[in-house]
Amino acid sequence: LRVLITNTNVPKSTKALVAGVRALRDRYPAVVDGILD
């Protein structure tokens, strides 16, 4: 696979983003589980 990688230079935290998805799932488990499926 040929790919073009683009670095937006915007810092982020994997741990914080994962925690955000987990919190969203806690609020709407059926909806988020459908997206994850």
PDB file of all heavy atoms in Angstrom:
ATOM      1  N   LEU A   1       0.828  -1.188   0.000  1.00  0.00           N
ATOM      2  CA  LEU A   1       0.000   0.000   0.000  1.00  0.00           C
ATOM      3  C   LEU A   1       0.874   1.253   0.000  1.00  0.00           C
ATOM      4  O   LEU A   1       1.708   1.443   0.880  1.00  0.00           O
ATOM      5  CB  LEU A   1      -0.907   0.024   1.242  1.00  0.00           C
ATOM      6  CG  LEU A   1      -2.016  -1.017   1.326  1.00  0.00           C
ATOM      7  CD1 LEU A   1      -2.850  -0.768   2.585  1.00  0.00           C
ATOM      8  CD2 LEU A   1      -2.911  -0.968   0.101  1.00  0.00           C
ATOM      9  N   ARG A   2       0.658   2.092  -1.002  1.00  0.00           N
ATOM     10  CA  ARG A   2       1.308   3.407  -1.013  1.00  0.00           C
ATOM     11  C   ARG A   2       0.454   4.360  -0.193  1.00  0.00           C
ATOM     12  O   ARG A   2      -0.775   4.420  -0.376  1.00  0.00           O
ATOM     13  CB  ARG A   2       1.416   3.952  -2.434  1.00  0.00           C
ATOM     14  CG  ARG A   2       2.384   3.227  -3.340  1.00  0.00           C
ATOM     15  CD  ARG A   2       2.281   3.797  -4.747  1.00  0.00           C
ATOM     16  NE  ARG A   2       2.746   5.194  -4.829  1.00  0.00           N
ATOM     17  CZ  ARG A   2       2.444   6.018  -5.835  1.00  0.00           C
ATOM     18  NH1 ARG A   2       1.669   5.609  -6.833  1.00  0.00           N
ATOM     19  NH2 ARG A   2       2.906   7.246  -5.855  1.00  0.00           N
ATOM     20  N   VAL A   3       1.064   5.094   0.683  1.00  0.00           N
ATOM     21  CA  VAL A   3       0.306   6.034   1.496  1.00  0.00           C
ATOM     22  C   VAL A   3       1.041   7.366   1.587  1.00  0.00           C
ATOM     23  O   VAL A   3       2.268   7.430   1.492  1.00  0.00           O
ATOM     24  CB  VAL A   3       0.031   5.498   2.923  1.00  0.00           C
ATOM     25  CG1 VAL A   3      -0.844   4.253   2.891  1.00  0.00           C
ATOM     26  CG2 VAL A   3       1.332   5.212   3.652  1.00  0.00           C
ATOM     27  N   LEU A   4       0.262   8.407   1.769  1.00  0.00           N
ATOM     28  CA  LEU A   4       0.789   9.734   2.065  1.00  0.00           C
ATOM     29  C   LEU A   4       0.456  10.024   3.525  1.00  0.00           C
ATOM     30  O   LEU A   4      -0.715  10.001   3.911  1.00  0.00           O
ATOM     31  CB  LEU A   4       0.153  10.782   1.160  1.00  0.00           C
ATOM     32  CG  LEU A   4       0.619  12.228   1.381  1.00  0.00           C
ATOM     33  CD1 LEU A   4       2.067  12.396   0.916  1.00  0.00           C
ATOM     34  CD2 LEU A   4      -0.298  13.211   0.645  1.00  0.00           C
ATOM     35  N   ILE A   5       1.472  10.244   4.322  1.00  0.00           N
ATOM     36  CA  ILE A   5       1.284  10.573   5.731  1.00  0.00           C
ATOM     37  C   ILE A   5       1.328  12.091   5.872  1.00  0.00           C
ATOM     38  O   ILE A   5       2.262  12.739   5.402  1.00  0.00           O
ATOM     39  CB  ILE A   5       2.378   9.949   6.612  1.00  0.00           C
ATOM     40  CG1 ILE A   5       2.374   8.426   6.469  1.00  0.00           C
ATOM     41  CG2 ILE A   5       2.196  10.356   8.070  1.00  0.00           C
ATOM     42  CD1 ILE A   5       1.130   7.746   6.977  1.00  0.00           C
ATOM     43  N   THR A   6       0.316  12.662   6.499  1.00  0.00           N
ATOM     44  CA  THR A   6       0.274  14.097   6.729  1.00  0.00           C
ATOM     45  C   THR A   6       0.267  14.368   8.225  1.00  0.00           C
ATOM     46  O   THR A   6      -0.662  13.965   8.933  1.00  0.00           O
ATOM     47  CB  THR A   6      -0.980  14.733   6.098  1.00  0.00           C
ATOM     48  OG1 THR A   6      -0.994  14.458   4.696  1.00  0.00           O
ATOM     49  CG2 THR A   6      -0.996  16.234   6.319  1.00  0.00           C
ATOM     50  N   ASN A   7       1.312  15.030   8.690  1.00  0.00           N
ATOM     51  CA  ASN A   7       1.398  15.410  10.099  1.00  0.00           C
ATOM     52  C   ASN A   7       0.790  16.793  10.254  1.00  0.00           C
ATOM     53  O   ASN A   7       1.298  17.775   9.702  1.00  0.00           O
ATOM     54  CB  ASN A   7       2.858  15.413  10.561  1.00  0.00           C
ATOM     55  CG  ASN A   7       2.969  15.585  12.070  1.00  0.00           C
ATOM     56  OD1 ASN A   7       2.025  15.975  12.749  1.00  0.00           O
ATOM     57  ND2 ASN A   7       4.138  15.289  12.617  1.00  0.00           N
ATOM     58  N   THR A   8      -0.313  16.886  10.982  1.00  0.00           N
ATOM     59  CA  THR A   8      -0.994  18.168  11.171  1.00  0.00           C
ATOM     60  C   THR A   8      -0.249  19.063  12.155  1.00  0.00           C
ATOM     61  O   THR A   8      -0.568  20.247  12.273  1.00  0.00           O
ATOM     62  CB  THR A   8      -2.416  17.946  11.696  1.00  0.00           C
ATOM     63  OG1 THR A   8      -2.360  17.365  13.005  1.00  0.00           O
ATOM     64  CG2 THR A   8      -3.211  17.040  10.762  1.00  0.00           C
ATOM     65  N   ASN A   9       0.708  18.486  12.877  1.00  0.00           N
ATOM     66  CA  ASN A   9       1.473  19.209  13.893  1.00  0.00           C
ATOM     67  C   ASN A   9       0.605  19.655  15.067  1.00  0.00           C
ATOM     68  O   ASN A   9       0.980  20.575  15.808  1.00  0.00           O
ATOM     69  CB  ASN A   9       2.199  20.424  13.283  1.00  0.00           C
ATOM     70  CG  ASN A   9       3.160  20.028  12.182  1.00  0.00           C
ATOM     71  OD1 ASN A   9       4.003  19.158  12.371  1.00  0.00           O
ATOM     72  ND2 ASN A   9       3.034  20.649  11.017  1.00  0.00           N
ATOM     73  N   VAL A  10      -0.550  19.020  15.203  1.00  0.00           N
ATOM     74  CA  VAL A  10      -1.435  19.306  16.343  1.00  0.00           C
ATOM     75  C   VAL A  10      -1.184  18.253  17.413  1.00  0.00           C
ATOM     76  O   VAL A  10      -1.394  17.059  17.165  1.00  0.00           O
ATOM     77  CB  VAL A  10      -2.919  19.286  15.916  1.00  0.00           C
ATOM     78  CG1 VAL A  10      -3.829  19.455  17.129  1.00  0.00           C
ATOM     79  CG2 VAL A  10      -3.186  20.368  14.884  1.00  0.00           C
ATOM     80  N   PRO A  11      -0.723  18.643  18.591  1.00  0.00           N
ATOM     81  CA  PRO A  11      -0.454  17.652  19.649  1.00  0.00           C
ATOM     82  C   PRO A  11      -1.741  17.041  20.165  1.00  0.00           C
ATOM     83  O   PRO A  11      -2.810  17.663  20.138  1.00  0.00           O
ATOM     84  CB  PRO A  11       0.244  18.486  20.735  1.00  0.00           C
ATOM     85  CG  PRO A  11      -0.237  19.882  20.512  1.00  0.00           C
ATOM     86  CD  PRO A  11      -0.418  20.020  19.022  1.00  0.00           C
ATOM     87  N   LYS A  12      -1.636  15.797  20.631  1.00  0.00           N
ATOM     88  CA  LYS A  12      -2.822  15.115  21.173  1.00  0.00           C
ATOM     89  C   LYS A  12      -2.367  14.099  22.205  1.00  0.00           C
ATOM     90  O   LYS A  12      -1.199  13.728  22.287  1.00  0.00           O
ATOM     91  CB  LYS A  12      -3.635  14.462  20.060  1.00  0.00           C
ATOM     92  CG  LYS A  12      -2.844  13.549  19.123  1.00  0.00           C
ATOM     93  CD  LYS A  12      -2.828  12.133  19.582  1.00  0.00           C
ATOM     94  CE  LYS A  12      -2.065  11.236  18.619  1.00  0.00           C
ATOM     95  NZ  LYS A  12      -2.015   9.840  19.089  1.00  0.00           N
ATOM     96  N   SER A  13      -3.311  13.623  22.986  1.00  0.00           N
ATOM     97  CA  SER A  13      -3.037  12.625  24.015  1.00  0.00           C
ATOM     98  C   SER A  13      -3.898  11.399  23.763  1.00  0.00           C
ATOM     99  O   SER A  13      -5.134  11.471  23.834  1.00  0.00           O
ATOM    100  CB  SER A  13      -3.336  13.181  25.414  1.00  0.00           C
ATOM    101  OG  SER A  13      -3.373  12.141  26.381  1.00  0.00           O
ATOM    102  N   THR A  14      -3.263  10.280  23.430  1.00  0.00           N
ATOM    103  CA  THR A  14      -4.001   9.033  23.210  1.00  0.00           C
ATOM    104  C   THR A  14      -4.820   8.663  24.439  1.00  0.00           C
ATOM    105  O   THR A  14      -5.997   8.282  24.336  1.00  0.00           O
ATOM    106  CB  THR A  14      -3.028   7.893  22.863  1.00  0.00           C
ATOM    107  OG1 THR A  14      -2.351   8.219  21.647  1.00  0.00           O
ATOM    108  CG2 THR A  14      -3.773   6.574  22.693  1.00  0.00           C
ATOM    109  N   LYS A  15      -4.197   8.799  25.611  1.00  0.00           N
ATOM    110  CA  LYS A  15      -4.876   8.409  26.854  1.00  0.00           C
ATOM    111  C   LYS A  15      -6.156   9.228  27.048  1.00  0.00           C
ATOM    112  O   LYS A  15      -7.215   8.693  27.407  1.00  0.00           O
ATOM    113  CB  LYS A  15      -3.929   8.609  28.032  1.00  0.00           C
ATOM    114  CG  LYS A  15      -4.425   8.020  29.342  1.00  0.00           C
ATOM    115  CD  LYS A  15      -3.407   8.209  30.472  1.00  0.00           C
ATOM    116  CE  LYS A  15      -2.166   7.379  30.229  1.00  0.00           C
ATOM    117  NZ  LYS A  15      -1.238   7.414  31.396  1.00  0.00           N
ATOM    118  N   ALA A  16      -6.091  10.531  26.787  1.00  0.00           N
ATOM    119  CA  ALA A  16      -7.256  11.401  26.966  1.00  0.00           C
ATOM    120  C   ALA A  16      -8.351  11.081  25.948  1.00  0.00           C
ATOM    121  O   ALA A  16      -9.545  11.083  26.276  1.00  0.00           O
ATOM    122  CB  ALA A  16      -6.837  12.863  26.844  1.00  0.00           C
ATOM    123  N   LEU A  17      -7.957  10.808  24.700  1.00  0.00           N
ATOM    124  CA  LEU A  17      -8.939  10.496  23.662  1.00  0.00           C
ATOM    125  C   LEU A  17      -9.639   9.173  23.932  1.00  0.00           C
ATOM    126  O   LEU A  17     -10.855   9.055  23.754  1.00  0.00           O
ATOM    127  CB  LEU A  17      -8.254  10.475  22.296  1.00  0.00           C
ATOM    128  CG  LEU A  17      -7.838  11.857  21.771  1.00  0.00           C
ATOM    129  CD1 LEU A  17      -6.765  11.733  20.716  1.00  0.00           C
ATOM    130  CD2 LEU A  17      -9.058  12.599  21.210  1.00  0.00           C
ATOM    131  N   VAL A  18      -8.879   8.175  24.370  1.00  0.00           N
ATOM    132  CA  VAL A  18      -9.473   6.883  24.720  1.00  0.00           C
ATOM    133  C   VAL A  18     -10.447   7.052  25.877  1.00  0.00           C
ATOM    134  O   VAL A  18     -11.542   6.475  25.882  1.00  0.00           O
ATOM    135  CB  VAL A  18      -8.375   5.861  25.068  1.00  0.00           C
ATOM    136  CG1 VAL A  18      -8.993   4.590  25.660  1.00  0.00           C
ATOM    137  CG2 VAL A  18      -7.555   5.512  23.832  1.00  0.00           C
ATOM    138  N   ALA A  19     -10.061   7.858  26.848  1.00  0.00           N
ATOM    139  CA  ALA A  19     -10.944   8.104  28.001  1.00  0.00           C
ATOM    140  C   ALA A  19     -12.227   8.808  27.553  1.00  0.00           C
ATOM    141  O   ALA A  19     -13.317   8.525  28.087  1.00  0.00           O
ATOM    142  CB  ALA A  19     -10.207   8.947  29.037  1.00  0.00           C
ATOM    143  N   GLY A  20     -12.118   9.709  26.556  1.00  0.00           N
ATOM    144  CA  GLY A  20     -13.295  10.404  26.061  1.00  0.00           C
ATOM    145  C   GLY A  20     -14.280   9.456  25.392  1.00  0.00           C
ATOM    146  O   GLY A  20     -15.500   9.566  25.583  1.00  0.00           O
ATOM    147  N   VAL A  21     -13.765   8.512  24.603  1.00  0.00           N
ATOM    148  CA  VAL A  21     -14.637   7.524  23.958  1.00  0.00           C
ATOM    149  C   VAL A  21     -15.286   6.625  25.006  1.00  0.00           C
ATOM    150  O   VAL A  21     -16.474   6.293  24.916  1.00  0.00           O
ATOM    151  CB  VAL A  21     -13.842   6.680  22.937  1.00  0.00           C
ATOM    152  CG1 VAL A  21     -14.715   5.554  22.378  1.00  0.00           C
ATOM    153  CG2 VAL A  21     -13.327   7.555  21.802  1.00  0.00           C
ATOM    154  N   ARG A  22     -14.504   6.263  26.018  1.00  0.00           N
ATOM    155  CA  ARG A  22     -15.049   5.422  27.092  1.00  0.00           C
ATOM    156  C   ARG A  22     -16.186   6.145  27.829  1.00  0.00           C
ATOM    157  O   ARG A  22     -17.231   5.548  28.131  1.00  0.00           O
ATOM    158  CB  ARG A  22     -13.953   5.039  28.071  1.00  0.00           C
ATOM    159  CG  ARG A  22     -14.418   4.047  29.150  1.00  0.00           C
ATOM    160  CD  ARG A  22     -13.308   3.677  30.109  1.00  0.00           C
ATOM    161  NE  ARG A  22     -12.249   2.946  29.431  1.00  0.00           N
ATOM    162  CZ  ARG A  22     -11.027   3.417  29.220  1.00  0.00           C
ATOM    163  NH1 ARG A  22     -10.691   4.629  29.639  1.00  0.00           N
ATOM    164  NH2 ARG A  22     -10.130   2.687  28.600  1.00  0.00           N
ATOM    165  N   ALA A  23     -16.014   7.436  28.075  1.00  0.00           N
ATOM    166  CA  ALA A  23     -17.052   8.218  28.750  1.00  0.00           C
ATOM    167  C   ALA A  23     -18.306   8.317  27.883  1.00  0.00           C
ATOM    168  O   ALA A  23     -19.438   8.247  28.384  1.00  0.00           O
ATOM    169  CB  ALA A  23     -16.523   9.611  29.088  1.00  0.00           C
ATOM    170  N   LEU A  24     -18.111   8.495  26.560  1.00  0.00           N
ATOM    171  CA  LEU A  24     -19.246   8.558  25.638  1.00  0.00           C
ATOM    172  C   LEU A  24     -20.000   7.238  25.639  1.00  0.00           C
ATOM    173  O   LEU A  24     -21.240   7.213  25.628  1.00  0.00           O
ATOM    174  CB  LEU A  24     -18.737   8.884  24.231  1.00  0.00           C
ATOM    175  CG  LEU A  24     -19.804   9.153  23.159  1.00  0.00           C
ATOM    176  CD1 LEU A  24     -20.579  10.425  23.479  1.00  0.00           C
ATOM    177  CD2 LEU A  24     -19.155   9.271  21.778  1.00  0.00           C
ATOM    178  N   ARG A  25     -19.270   6.141  25.674  1.00  0.00           N
ATOM    179  CA  ARG A  25     -19.904   4.819  25.701  1.00  0.00           C
ATOM    180  C   ARG A  25     -20.667   4.605  27.001  1.00  0.00           C
ATOM    181  O   ARG A  25     -21.723   3.971  27.016  1.00  0.00           O
ATOM    182  CB  ARG A  25     -18.854   3.723  25.534  1.00  0.00           C
ATOM    183  CG  ARG A  25     -19.448   2.323  25.473  1.00  0.00           C
ATOM    184  CD  ARG A  25     -18.381   1.261  25.255  1.00  0.00           C
ATOM    185  NE  ARG A  25     -18.975  -0.058  25.145  1.00  0.00           N
ATOM    186  CZ  ARG A  25     -19.257  -0.837  26.207  1.00  0.00           C
ATOM    187  NH1 ARG A  25     -18.997  -0.401  27.423  1.00  0.00           N
ATOM    188  NH2 ARG A  25     -19.798  -2.023  26.031  1.00  0.00           N
ATOM    189  N   ASP A  26     -20.128   5.124  28.097  1.00  0.00           N
ATOM    190  CA  ASP A  26     -20.832   4.997  29.375  1.00  0.00           C
ATOM    191  C   ASP A  26     -22.188   5.709  29.330  1.00  0.00           C
ATOM    192  O   ASP A  26     -23.159   5.249  29.945  1.00  0.00           O
ATOM    193  CB  ASP A  26     -19.985   5.585  30.514  1.00  0.00           C
ATOM    194  CG  ASP A  26     -18.774   4.719  30.851  1.00  0.00           C
ATOM    195  OD1 ASP A  26     -18.771   3.523  30.469  1.00  0.00           O
ATOM    196  OD2 ASP A  26     -17.825   5.235  31.471  1.00  0.00           O
ATOM    197  N   ARG A  27     -22.254   6.810  28.566  1.00  0.00           N
ATOM    198  CA  ARG A  27     -23.510   7.568  28.481  1.00  0.00           C
ATOM    199  C   ARG A  27     -24.481   6.955  27.477  1.00  0.00           C
ATOM    200  O   ARG A  27     -25.689   6.952  27.689  1.00  0.00           O
ATOM    201  CB  ARG A  27     -23.227   9.028  28.097  1.00  0.00           C
ATOM    202  CG  ARG A  27     -22.446   9.807  29.140  1.00  0.00           C
ATOM    203  CD  ARG A  27     -22.547  11.318  28.916  1.00  0.00           C
ATOM    204  NE  ARG A  27     -22.026  11.750  27.631  1.00  0.00           N
ATOM    205  CZ  ARG A  27     -20.738  12.029  27.411  1.00  0.00           C
ATOM    206  NH1 ARG A  27     -19.848  11.900  28.392  1.00  0.00           N
ATOM    207  NH2 ARG A  27     -20.335  12.426  26.214  1.00  0.00           N
ATOM    208  N   TYR A  28     -23.940   6.445  26.361  1.00  0.00           N
ATOM    209  CA  TYR A  28     -24.790   5.909  25.286  1.00  0.00           C
ATOM    210  C   TYR A  28     -24.261   4.549  24.840  1.00  0.00           C
ATOM    211  O   TYR A  28     -23.779   4.398  23.707  1.00  0.00           O
ATOM    212  CB  TYR A  28     -24.813   6.876  24.099  1.00  0.00           C
ATOM    213  CG  TYR A  28     -25.131   8.298  24.476  1.00  0.00           C
ATOM    214  CD1 TYR A  28     -24.122   9.259  24.526  1.00  0.00           C
ATOM    215  CD2 TYR A  28     -26.429   8.687  24.801  1.00  0.00           C
ATOM    216  CE1 TYR A  28     -24.393  10.567  24.884  1.00  0.00           C
ATOM    217  CE2 TYR A  28     -26.720   9.993  25.157  1.00  0.00           C
ATOM    218  CZ  TYR A  28     -25.700  10.931  25.202  1.00  0.00           C
ATOM    219  OH  TYR A  28     -25.980  12.227  25.552  1.00  0.00           O
ATOM    220  N   PRO A  29     -24.340   3.546  25.696  1.00  0.00           N
ATOM    221  CA  PRO A  29     -23.708   2.258  25.373  1.00  0.00           C
ATOM    222  C   PRO A  29     -24.231   1.610  24.095  1.00  0.00           C
ATOM    223  O   PRO A  29     -23.443   1.106  23.292  1.00  0.00           O
ATOM    224  CB  PRO A  29     -24.010   1.404  26.602  1.00  0.00           C
ATOM    225  CG  PRO A  29     -25.161   2.079  27.293  1.00  0.00           C
ATOM    226  CD  PRO A  29     -24.992   3.537  27.011  1.00  0.00           C
ATOM    227  N   ALA A  30     -25.527   1.614  23.883  1.00  0.00           N
ATOM    228  CA  ALA A  30     -26.078   0.947  22.700  1.00  0.00           C
ATOM    229  C   ALA A  30     -25.630   1.650  21.418  1.00  0.00           C
ATOM    230  O   ALA A  30     -25.284   0.995  20.424  1.00  0.00           O
ATOM    231  CB  ALA A  30     -27.607   0.914  22.782  1.00  0.00           C
ATOM    232  N   VAL A  31     -25.610   2.970  21.434  1.00  0.00           N
ATOM    233  CA  VAL A  31     -25.228   3.739  20.251  1.00  0.00           C
ATOM    234  C   VAL A  31     -23.744   3.532  19.932  1.00  0.00           C
ATOM    235  O   VAL A  31     -23.365   3.225  18.795  1.00  0.00           O
ATOM    236  CB  VAL A  31     -25.507   5.247  20.469  1.00  0.00           C
ATOM    237  CG1 VAL A  31     -24.964   6.056  19.290  1.00  0.00           C
ATOM    238  CG2 VAL A  31     -27.001   5.498  20.633  1.00  0.00           C
ATOM    239  N   VAL A  32     -22.900   3.700  20.944  1.00  0.00           N
ATOM    240  CA  VAL A  32     -21.463   3.592  20.727  1.00  0.00           C
ATOM    241  C   VAL A  32     -21.076   2.163  20.371  1.00  0.00           C
ATOM    242  O   VAL A  32     -20.217   1.941  19.509  1.00  0.00           O
ATOM    243  CB  VAL A  32     -20.681   4.097  21.960  1.00  0.00           C
ATOM    244  CG1 VAL A  32     -19.185   3.829  21.805  1.00  0.00           C
ATOM    245  CG2 VAL A  32     -20.931   5.591  22.147  1.00  0.00           C
ATOM    246  N   ASP A  33     -21.713   1.189  21.001  1.00  0.00           N
ATOM    247  CA  ASP A  33     -21.406  -0.208  20.662  1.00  0.00           C
ATOM    248  C   ASP A  33     -21.747  -0.499  19.200  1.00  0.00           C
ATOM    249  O   ASP A  33     -21.033  -1.259  18.522  1.00  0.00           O
ATOM    250  CB  ASP A  33     -22.188  -1.168  21.575  1.00  0.00           C
ATOM    251  CG  ASP A  33     -21.548  -1.295  22.952  1.00  0.00           C
ATOM    252  OD1 ASP A  33     -20.412  -0.827  23.126  1.00  0.00           O
ATOM    253  OD2 ASP A  33     -22.199  -1.856  23.852  1.00  0.00           O
ATOM    254  N   GLY A  34     -22.805   0.113  18.699  1.00  0.00           N
ATOM    255  CA  GLY A  34     -23.161  -0.072  17.294  1.00  0.00           C
ATOM    256  C   GLY A  34     -22.088   0.491  16.369  1.00  0.00           C
ATOM    257  O   GLY A  34     -21.734  -0.120  15.353  1.00  0.00           O
ATOM    258  N   ILE A  35     -21.551   1.662  16.735  1.00  0.00           N
ATOM    259  CA  ILE A  35     -20.479   2.270  15.937  1.00  0.00           C
ATOM    260  C   ILE A  35     -19.231   1.392  15.985  1.00  0.00           C
ATOM    261  O   ILE A  35     -18.584   1.154  14.962  1.00  0.00           O
ATOM    262  CB  ILE A  35     -20.160   3.685  16.460  1.00  0.00           C
ATOM    263  CG1 ILE A  35     -21.365   4.604  16.262  1.00  0.00           C
ATOM    264  CG2 ILE A  35     -18.928   4.264  15.750  1.00  0.00           C
ATOM    265  CD1 ILE A  35     -21.235   5.951  16.944  1.00  0.00           C
ATOM    266  N   LEU A  36     -18.897   0.904  17.180  1.00  0.00           N
ATOM    267  CA  LEU A  36     -17.713   0.058  17.328  1.00  0.00           C
ATOM    268  C   LEU A  36     -17.872  -1.258  16.570  1.00  0.00           C
ATOM    269  O   LEU A  36     -16.905  -1.769  15.994  1.00  0.00           O
ATOM    270  CB  LEU A  36     -17.439  -0.211  18.813  1.00  0.00           C
ATOM    271  CG  LEU A  36     -17.057   1.016  19.653  1.00  0.00           C
ATOM    272  CD1 LEU A  36     -16.908   0.638  21.119  1.00  0.00           C
ATOM    273  CD2 LEU A  36     -15.774   1.654  19.128  1.00  0.00           C
ATOM    274  N   ASP A  37     -19.092  -1.790  16.539  1.00  0.00           N
ATOM    275  CA  ASP A  37     -19.340  -3.012  15.761  1.00  0.00           C
ATOM    276  C   ASP A  37     -19.117  -2.750  14.265  1.00  0.00           C
ATOM    277  O   ASP A  37     -18.578  -3.607  13.548  1.00  0.00           O
ATOM    278  CB  ASP A  37     -20.774  -3.504  15.984  1.00  0.00           C
ATOM    279  CG  ASP A  37     -20.966  -4.145  17.362  1.00  0.00           C
ATOM    280  OD1 ASP A  37     -19.951  -4.505  17.999  1.00  0.00           O
ATOM    281  OD2 ASP A  37     -22.131  -4.269  17.801  1.00  0.00           O
TER     282      ASP A  37
END
